[in-house]
Amino acid sequence: MSTTVAIIPARGGSRGVPRKNVRRVGGVPLVARAVQAALAADGIDLVVVSTDDAEIAEVAAVAGARIVHRPADISGDTASSESAVLHAIGQLEAEGVEVGVVAFLQATSPFIPSAALADAVARVRAGEADSVFSAHETFGFVWRRDADGQASGINHDASHRPRRQDREPHYLETGAFYVFTAAGFRESRHRFFGRIAVAEVPEWSAIEIDDEHQLRIARSLAAMHEAPHPIAVRAVVTDFDGVHTDDTAIIDASGGERVRVSREDGMGVALLRHAGIPMLILSTEVNPVVRARAEKLRVPVLHGIDDKEQALRGWAAENGLDLDDIAYLGNDVNDLPAMRIVGWPIAVANAHPRVREAARVVLTRTGGSGAVRELVERVLSA
């Protein structure tokens, strides 16, 4: 029986957004998001990532993809996506895989709707279409400009402005996915051929990432549209100031500091400890208040730490923990190196914008006001 294969081309070079395919949206690398979307779509038997890059290959493999190593001659800026898809099909067939239908996904589209992808696959497999592409409905008036800067309508008569309900809708290609028969693709060497159909997707999901601004927009969209879900981890690591506290301090006449903490957080830590889930406080501060609070919570602490990433790696290794199984809760830019290496980078609600962008989850509560308790409850719910 022929196989339906999802193929995701993801080369290492990118000029607009360096290392684009491993940059995170919603805390998940773009290439991993594409793999996950394909794996969640009914009808897809195998997910393949075609890449020339070792880091992309590792991330994609962990996400569940088979890797096809792309040769240098089809890995440059001028190489077409079609060439990568054709190469991947050839490699699979050389291994004995009979490729019948191909779903070509682009990792630069972070919000690939798995249900719409599955429907497109079903239509091609049923023979209803030869090629199906993702698009959203639009009633927009499209214009062109000539060499002199003069504008003219493309899909409308500029002198006639009918109401939306009286206009014919058009469909704007999103670039997220294309599904087609392998045989037709080999013959045409193009993603569009034969009977072409549209797979409608939500307009908000249509963003493609080609620059840093679009990446920031995508991260905001992820926070808005991706529903909260349980955080399945084996350990929790947190910063101290701005996480357990509200990031303010009261200085007395002798120079001593006092901070504000939440009793809610204290109960949350007790519940986590009772569940047997390890926790660590990791702080750059050397103030005695950090250790005092950690002792009160009965949680180990590493403070006065300049390199949080290396300290976290060492603690994980000592405790036999995989970094992918750790949640790290932070609030400021010195937390970013540690957040980048864990499976669940988490930000408090009032975290620095760069921290919120890097987070897989942004909590609803702020530091010192129950953020730790919120994280604990989502960990325990898993």
Protein backbone atom coordinates (compact mmCIF):
# COMPACT_ATOMS: atom_id res chain seq x y z
CA MET A 1 0.00 0.00 0.00
CA SER A 2 1.31 3.45 -0.88
CA THR A 3 2.42 5.79 1.88
CA THR A 4 1.32 9.35 2.58
CA VAL A 5 4.42 11.30 3.53
CA ALA A 6 4.71 14.77 5.03
CA ILE A 7 7.92 16.42 3.83
CA ILE A 8 9.25 19.54 5.58
CA PRO A 9 12.20 21.25 3.85
CA ALA A 10 14.27 23.11 6.47
CA ARG A 11 17.71 24.28 5.46
CA GLY A 12 20.15 25.86 7.90
CA GLY A 13 20.85 29.10 6.06
CA SER A 14 18.48 32.05 6.47
CA ARG A 15 19.26 35.70 5.86
CA GLY A 16 16.13 37.44 7.12
CA VAL A 17 15.96 35.54 10.42
CA PRO A 18 19.23 33.78 11.29
CA ARG A 19 18.73 30.13 12.35
CA LYS A 20 15.04 30.64 11.55
CA ASN A 21 13.93 27.01 11.56
CA VAL A 22 15.06 26.48 15.16
CA ARG A 23 13.77 29.80 16.48
CA ARG A 24 10.91 29.34 18.93
CA VAL A 25 7.26 30.31 18.77
CA GLY A 26 5.27 29.43 21.85
CA GLY A 27 8.50 27.97 23.21
CA VAL A 28 8.74 25.35 20.44
CA PRO A 29 11.23 25.50 17.51
CA LEU A 30 9.53 26.22 14.20
CA VAL A 31 10.63 22.97 12.60
CA ALA A 32 9.32 21.02 15.60
CA ARG A 33 5.97 22.82 15.33
CA ALA A 34 5.66 21.69 11.71
CA VAL A 35 6.55 18.12 12.65
CA GLN A 36 3.97 18.13 15.45
CA ALA A 37 1.26 19.50 13.14
CA ALA A 38 1.95 16.74 10.61
CA LEU A 39 2.01 14.00 13.24
CA ALA A 40 -1.37 15.22 14.54
CA ALA A 41 -3.00 15.07 11.09
CA ASP A 42 -4.98 11.92 10.32
CA GLY A 43 -3.92 10.14 7.14
CA ILE A 44 -0.21 11.00 7.29
CA ASP A 45 1.89 7.85 7.68
CA LEU A 46 5.39 9.29 7.86
CA VAL A 47 6.90 12.70 8.63
CA VAL A 48 10.23 13.61 7.04
CA VAL A 49 12.44 16.67 7.46
CA SER A 50 14.86 17.43 4.65
CA THR A 51 17.81 19.42 5.95
CA ASP A 52 21.49 20.19 5.55
CA ASP A 53 21.86 21.29 9.18
CA ALA A 54 22.84 19.12 12.19
CA GLU A 55 20.93 21.16 14.78
CA ILE A 56 17.73 21.20 12.72
CA ALA A 57 18.09 17.44 12.20
CA GLU A 58 18.44 16.85 15.94
CA VAL A 59 15.45 19.04 16.86
CA ALA A 60 13.28 17.46 14.16
CA ALA A 61 14.25 13.92 15.15
CA VAL A 62 13.38 14.58 18.80
CA ALA A 63 10.00 15.90 17.62
CA GLY A 64 9.34 12.62 15.80
CA ALA A 65 10.52 13.11 12.21
CA ARG A 66 12.69 10.93 10.00
CA ILE A 67 15.65 12.90 8.65
CA VAL A 68 16.69 13.08 5.00
CA HIS A 69 20.07 14.76 4.65
CA ARG A 70 19.96 17.27 1.82
CA PRO A 71 23.04 17.62 -0.41
CA ALA A 72 24.79 20.98 -0.74
CA ASP A 73 23.75 21.54 -4.36
CA ILE A 74 20.08 21.91 -3.33
CA SER A 75 20.69 23.68 -0.01
CA GLY A 76 21.59 27.20 -1.10
CA ASP A 77 19.50 30.38 -1.29
CA THR A 78 18.55 29.72 -4.91
CA ALA A 79 17.46 26.10 -4.43
CA SER A 80 13.72 25.55 -4.79
CA SER A 81 11.55 23.77 -2.26
CA GLU A 82 10.43 21.48 -5.08
CA SER A 83 14.00 20.22 -5.51
CA ALA A 84 14.17 19.30 -1.82
CA VAL A 85 10.82 17.49 -1.98
CA LEU A 86 11.83 15.56 -5.11
CA HIS A 87 15.11 14.57 -3.48
CA ALA A 88 13.34 13.38 -0.32
CA ILE A 89 10.87 11.30 -2.35
CA GLY A 90 13.77 9.72 -4.22
CA GLN A 91 15.61 8.89 -1.00
CA LEU A 92 12.52 7.29 0.55
CA GLU A 93 11.79 5.24 -2.53
CA ALA A 94 15.41 4.07 -2.61
CA GLU A 95 14.73 2.73 0.90
CA GLY A 96 11.66 0.85 -0.31
CA VAL A 97 8.96 3.34 0.70
CA GLU A 98 6.21 3.58 -1.92
CA VAL A 99 5.24 7.25 -1.81
CA GLY A 100 1.70 7.82 -3.06
CA VAL A 101 0.68 11.19 -1.60
CA VAL A 102 2.91 14.04 -0.42
CA ALA A 103 2.05 16.74 2.09
CA PHE A 104 4.61 19.51 1.65
CA LEU A 105 4.74 21.65 4.82
CA GLN A 106 6.68 24.86 5.39
CA ALA A 107 8.19 25.33 8.84
CA THR A 108 8.05 29.10 8.39
CA SER A 109 4.27 28.82 8.94
CA PRO A 110 4.02 28.26 12.71
CA PHE A 111 0.25 27.70 12.87
CA ILE A 112 -0.47 24.78 10.53
CA PRO A 113 -4.02 23.53 11.27
CA SER A 114 -3.79 19.74 11.52
CA ALA A 115 -7.51 19.24 10.83
CA ALA A 116 -7.36 21.21 7.57
CA LEU A 117 -4.19 19.33 6.60
CA ALA A 118 -5.89 15.99 7.29
CA ASP A 119 -8.89 17.02 5.17
CA ALA A 120 -6.59 17.98 2.28
CA VAL A 121 -4.85 14.60 2.51
CA ALA A 122 -8.20 12.80 2.49
CA ARG A 123 -9.34 14.68 -0.64
CA VAL A 124 -6.20 13.80 -2.57
CA ARG A 125 -6.23 10.18 -1.43
CA ALA A 126 -9.90 9.89 -2.45
CA GLY A 127 -9.13 11.22 -5.93
CA GLU A 128 -11.20 14.39 -5.47
CA ALA A 129 -8.22 16.61 -6.33
CA ASP A 130 -4.66 16.25 -7.59
CA SER A 131 -3.29 19.21 -5.63
CA VAL A 132 -4.69 21.01 -2.58
CA PHE A 133 -3.23 24.12 -0.98
CA SER A 134 -3.96 26.08 2.21
CA ALA A 135 -5.60 29.47 1.81
CA HIS A 136 -7.93 31.81 3.62
CA GLU A 137 -10.96 33.58 2.26
CA THR A 138 -10.56 37.29 1.57
CA PHE A 139 -12.79 40.05 0.29
CA GLY A 140 -9.92 42.51 0.02
CA PHE A 141 -9.55 44.89 -2.88
CA VAL A 142 -6.20 44.16 -4.54
CA TRP A 143 -4.31 46.85 -6.47
CA ARG A 144 -1.21 47.07 -8.66
CA ARG A 145 1.14 49.98 -9.35
CA ASP A 146 2.71 50.59 -12.75
CA ALA A 147 6.19 51.97 -13.44
CA ASP A 148 4.88 55.53 -13.09
CA GLY A 149 3.36 54.81 -9.70
CA GLN A 150 -0.21 54.84 -10.98
CA ALA A 151 -2.56 52.35 -9.30
CA SER A 152 -5.22 50.18 -10.88
CA GLY A 153 -7.51 47.48 -9.51
CA ILE A 154 -6.72 43.82 -10.05
CA ASN A 155 -9.74 41.97 -8.70
CA HIS A 156 -12.21 44.84 -8.87
CA ASP A 157 -13.40 47.84 -10.82
CA ALA A 158 -12.18 50.89 -8.92
CA SER A 159 -15.29 52.87 -9.90
CA HIS A 160 -17.62 50.28 -8.41
CA ARG A 161 -17.50 49.54 -4.65
CA PRO A 162 -20.04 46.81 -3.87
CA ARG A 163 -20.78 45.77 -0.30
CA ARG A 164 -18.85 42.83 1.13
CA GLN A 165 -21.92 40.58 1.00
CA ASP A 166 -22.32 41.39 -2.69
CA ARG A 167 -18.74 40.56 -3.65
CA GLU A 168 -17.23 37.25 -4.70
CA PRO A 169 -14.64 35.98 -2.21
CA HIS A 170 -11.09 35.25 -3.29
CA TYR A 171 -8.56 32.96 -1.61
CA LEU A 172 -5.12 34.05 -0.46
CA GLU A 173 -2.50 31.29 -0.42
CA THR A 174 -0.91 30.97 3.04
CA GLY A 175 2.12 28.83 2.18
CA ALA A 176 1.50 26.55 5.18
CA PHE A 177 0.92 23.31 3.28
CA TYR A 178 0.40 21.73 -0.13
CA VAL A 179 -0.87 18.19 -0.68
CA PHE A 180 -0.53 16.38 -3.99
CA THR A 181 -0.05 13.01 -5.64
CA ALA A 182 3.57 11.92 -5.87
CA ALA A 183 3.13 10.75 -9.46
CA GLY A 184 1.74 14.09 -10.63
CA PHE A 185 4.46 15.99 -8.77
CA ARG A 186 7.22 13.93 -10.38
CA GLU A 187 5.77 14.64 -13.82
CA SER A 188 5.10 18.36 -13.38
CA ARG A 189 7.95 19.04 -10.92
CA HIS A 190 5.68 21.67 -9.38
CA ARG A 191 3.27 21.80 -6.44
CA PHE A 192 0.30 22.85 -8.61
CA PHE A 193 -1.05 20.56 -11.33
CA GLY A 194 -4.20 18.80 -12.49
CA ARG A 195 -7.36 19.49 -10.49
CA ILE A 196 -6.43 22.09 -7.87
CA ALA A 197 -8.50 22.63 -4.72
CA VAL A 198 -8.40 25.00 -1.74
CA ALA A 199 -8.12 23.92 1.90
CA GLU A 200 -9.56 26.81 3.90
CA VAL A 201 -7.70 27.78 7.08
CA PRO A 202 -8.33 30.57 9.61
CA GLU A 203 -6.98 33.94 8.52
CA TRP A 204 -5.12 34.46 11.82
CA SER A 205 -3.05 31.32 11.13
CA ALA A 206 -1.75 32.61 7.80
CA ILE A 207 1.40 34.38 9.01
CA GLU A 208 4.68 33.33 7.40
CA ILE A 209 7.94 34.21 9.13
CA ASP A 210 10.46 35.96 6.90
CA ASP A 211 11.72 38.67 9.27
CA GLU A 212 12.13 39.40 12.96
CA HIS A 213 8.97 41.52 13.08
CA GLN A 214 6.86 38.62 11.84
CA LEU A 215 8.52 36.36 14.39
CA ARG A 216 7.45 38.72 17.19
CA ILE A 217 3.90 38.80 15.82
CA ALA A 218 3.80 34.99 15.69
CA ARG A 219 4.91 34.76 19.30
CA SER A 220 2.11 37.11 20.33
CA LEU A 221 -0.41 35.09 18.30
CA ALA A 222 0.74 31.90 20.02
CA ALA A 223 0.03 33.43 23.41
CA MET A 224 -3.44 34.54 22.24
CA HIS A 225 -4.62 31.46 20.37
CA GLU A 226 -2.94 28.42 21.88
CA ALA A 227 -4.99 27.21 24.80
CA PRO A 228 -3.32 26.63 28.17
CA HIS A 229 -2.43 23.02 28.69
CA PRO A 230 -0.88 20.94 31.46
CA ILE A 231 2.88 21.23 31.82
CA ALA A 232 4.24 17.69 31.89
CA VAL A 233 7.67 17.86 33.53
CA ARG A 234 9.71 15.94 36.06
CA ALA A 235 11.30 18.98 37.73
CA VAL A 236 10.77 22.71 38.23
CA VAL A 237 13.52 25.33 38.38
CA THR A 238 12.83 29.00 39.11
CA ASP A 239 14.59 32.30 39.33
CA PHE A 240 14.05 34.19 42.60
CA ASP A 241 13.73 37.97 42.20
CA GLY A 242 10.74 38.82 40.01
CA VAL A 243 9.42 35.26 40.28
CA HIS A 244 9.08 34.47 43.99
CA THR A 245 9.06 38.23 44.65
CA ASP A 246 7.46 41.24 42.96
CA ASP A 247 10.97 42.41 42.00
CA THR A 248 11.04 45.22 44.53
CA ALA A 249 13.07 45.50 47.73
CA ILE A 250 12.86 47.56 50.90
CA ILE A 251 16.27 48.76 52.12
CA ASP A 252 16.63 49.47 55.83
CA ALA A 253 19.08 51.94 57.41
CA SER A 254 21.77 49.28 57.77
CA GLY A 255 21.54 48.24 54.11
CA GLY A 256 19.56 45.07 54.70
CA GLU A 257 16.90 44.08 52.18
CA ARG A 258 13.35 42.89 52.64
CA VAL A 259 11.25 41.45 49.83
CA ARG A 260 7.58 40.66 49.30
CA VAL A 261 6.57 37.03 48.63
CA SER A 262 3.28 35.19 48.24
CA ARG A 263 1.91 32.70 50.76
CA GLU A 264 0.09 31.13 47.81
CA ASP A 265 3.45 30.31 46.28
CA GLY A 266 4.57 28.74 49.54
CA MET A 267 1.58 26.40 49.52
CA GLY A 268 2.21 25.59 45.86
CA VAL A 269 5.81 24.63 46.58
CA ALA A 270 4.62 22.41 49.45
CA LEU A 271 2.19 20.64 47.11
CA LEU A 272 4.96 20.12 44.56
CA ARG A 273 7.27 18.74 47.22
CA HIS A 274 4.50 16.42 48.49
CA ALA A 275 4.08 15.11 44.91
CA GLY A 276 7.77 14.19 44.84
CA ILE A 277 8.69 16.58 42.02
CA PRO A 278 12.16 18.11 42.50
CA MET A 279 12.48 21.89 42.59
CA LEU A 280 15.45 24.25 42.53
CA ILE A 281 15.81 27.99 43.01
CA LEU A 282 18.55 29.35 40.75
CA SER A 283 19.52 32.97 41.38
CA THR A 284 22.27 35.41 40.53
CA GLU A 285 21.61 37.20 43.83
CA VAL A 286 23.90 36.63 46.83
CA ASN A 287 21.54 38.32 49.29
CA PRO A 288 20.84 36.20 52.41
CA VAL A 289 17.11 36.66 51.83
CA VAL A 290 17.29 34.21 48.90
CA ARG A 291 18.66 31.42 51.05
CA ALA A 292 16.30 32.30 53.90
CA ARG A 293 13.26 31.96 51.65
CA ALA A 294 14.58 28.73 50.13
CA GLU A 295 15.06 27.26 53.61
CA LYS A 296 11.53 28.32 54.54
CA LEU A 297 10.21 26.55 51.43
CA ARG A 298 12.53 23.54 52.03
CA VAL A 299 13.84 23.87 48.48
CA PRO A 300 17.51 23.64 47.42
CA VAL A 301 19.02 26.87 46.14
CA LEU A 302 22.01 27.82 44.02
CA HIS A 303 22.61 31.56 44.36
CA GLY A 304 25.33 33.92 43.31
CA ILE A 305 25.24 32.13 39.94
CA ASP A 306 26.52 34.09 36.93
CA ASP A 307 26.10 31.30 34.36
CA LYS A 308 22.63 29.91 34.90
CA GLU A 309 22.78 27.64 31.85
CA GLN A 310 25.83 25.73 33.05
CA ALA A 311 24.53 25.57 36.62
CA LEU A 312 21.24 24.14 35.37
CA ARG A 313 22.99 21.61 33.14
CA GLY A 314 25.09 20.46 36.10
CA TRP A 315 22.10 20.16 38.46
CA ALA A 316 20.12 18.20 35.87
CA ALA A 317 23.00 15.80 35.28
CA GLU A 318 23.53 15.27 39.02
CA ASN A 319 19.85 14.43 39.46
CA GLY A 320 19.52 12.24 36.36
CA LEU A 321 17.08 14.63 34.68
CA ASP A 322 16.65 15.26 30.96
CA LEU A 323 16.58 18.98 30.17
CA ASP A 324 13.45 18.42 28.06
CA ASP A 325 11.69 17.30 31.25
CA ILE A 326 12.40 20.52 33.16
CA ALA A 327 10.30 23.69 33.45
CA TYR A 328 12.26 26.89 34.06
CA LEU A 329 10.34 29.93 35.30
CA GLY A 330 11.99 33.30 34.71
CA ASN A 331 11.29 36.99 34.36
CA ASP A 332 14.35 38.83 33.00
CA VAL A 333 17.00 38.59 30.31
CA ASN A 334 19.55 36.81 32.52
CA ASP A 335 17.12 33.86 32.53
CA LEU A 336 17.19 33.46 28.74
CA PRO A 337 20.22 31.08 28.53
CA ALA A 338 18.58 28.67 30.97
CA MET A 339 15.19 28.99 29.29
CA ARG A 340 16.65 28.11 25.89
CA ILE A 341 17.88 24.67 26.98
CA VAL A 342 14.80 23.31 28.76
CA GLY A 343 11.71 21.67 27.34
CA TRP A 344 9.38 24.11 29.09
CA PRO A 345 10.59 27.72 29.25
CA ILE A 346 7.98 29.62 31.29
CA ALA A 347 7.57 33.38 31.89
CA VAL A 348 5.69 35.27 34.58
CA ALA A 349 3.00 37.61 33.25
CA ASN A 350 5.09 40.76 33.78
CA ALA A 351 8.34 39.34 32.41
CA HIS A 352 10.65 41.28 30.11
CA PRO A 353 9.33 41.23 26.49
CA ARG A 354 12.27 39.09 25.30
CA VAL A 355 11.52 36.55 28.02
CA ARG A 356 7.83 36.40 27.06
CA GLU A 357 8.85 35.90 23.43
CA ALA A 358 11.13 32.98 24.37
CA ALA A 359 8.56 31.32 26.61
CA ARG A 360 6.56 28.26 25.70
CA VAL A 361 4.01 29.40 28.28
CA VAL A 362 3.35 32.89 29.65
CA LEU A 363 1.55 32.66 32.98
CA THR A 364 -1.42 34.86 33.89
CA ARG A 365 0.05 35.87 37.27
CA THR A 366 2.95 38.17 37.98
CA GLY A 367 6.04 37.54 40.07
CA GLY A 368 5.39 37.57 43.81
CA SER A 369 1.63 37.32 43.20
CA GLY A 370 1.03 33.62 42.74
CA ALA A 371 3.02 32.90 39.56
CA VAL A 372 4.86 29.99 41.19
CA ARG A 373 1.54 28.57 42.45
CA GLU A 374 0.04 28.83 38.95
CA LEU A 375 2.98 26.93 37.47
CA VAL A 376 2.81 24.26 40.17
CA GLU A 377 -0.90 23.68 39.58
CA ARG A 378 -0.35 23.22 35.85
CA VAL A 379 2.51 20.81 36.53
CA LEU A 380 0.40 18.80 38.98
CA SER A 381 -2.54 18.75 36.55
CA ALA A 382 -0.35 16.78 34.14
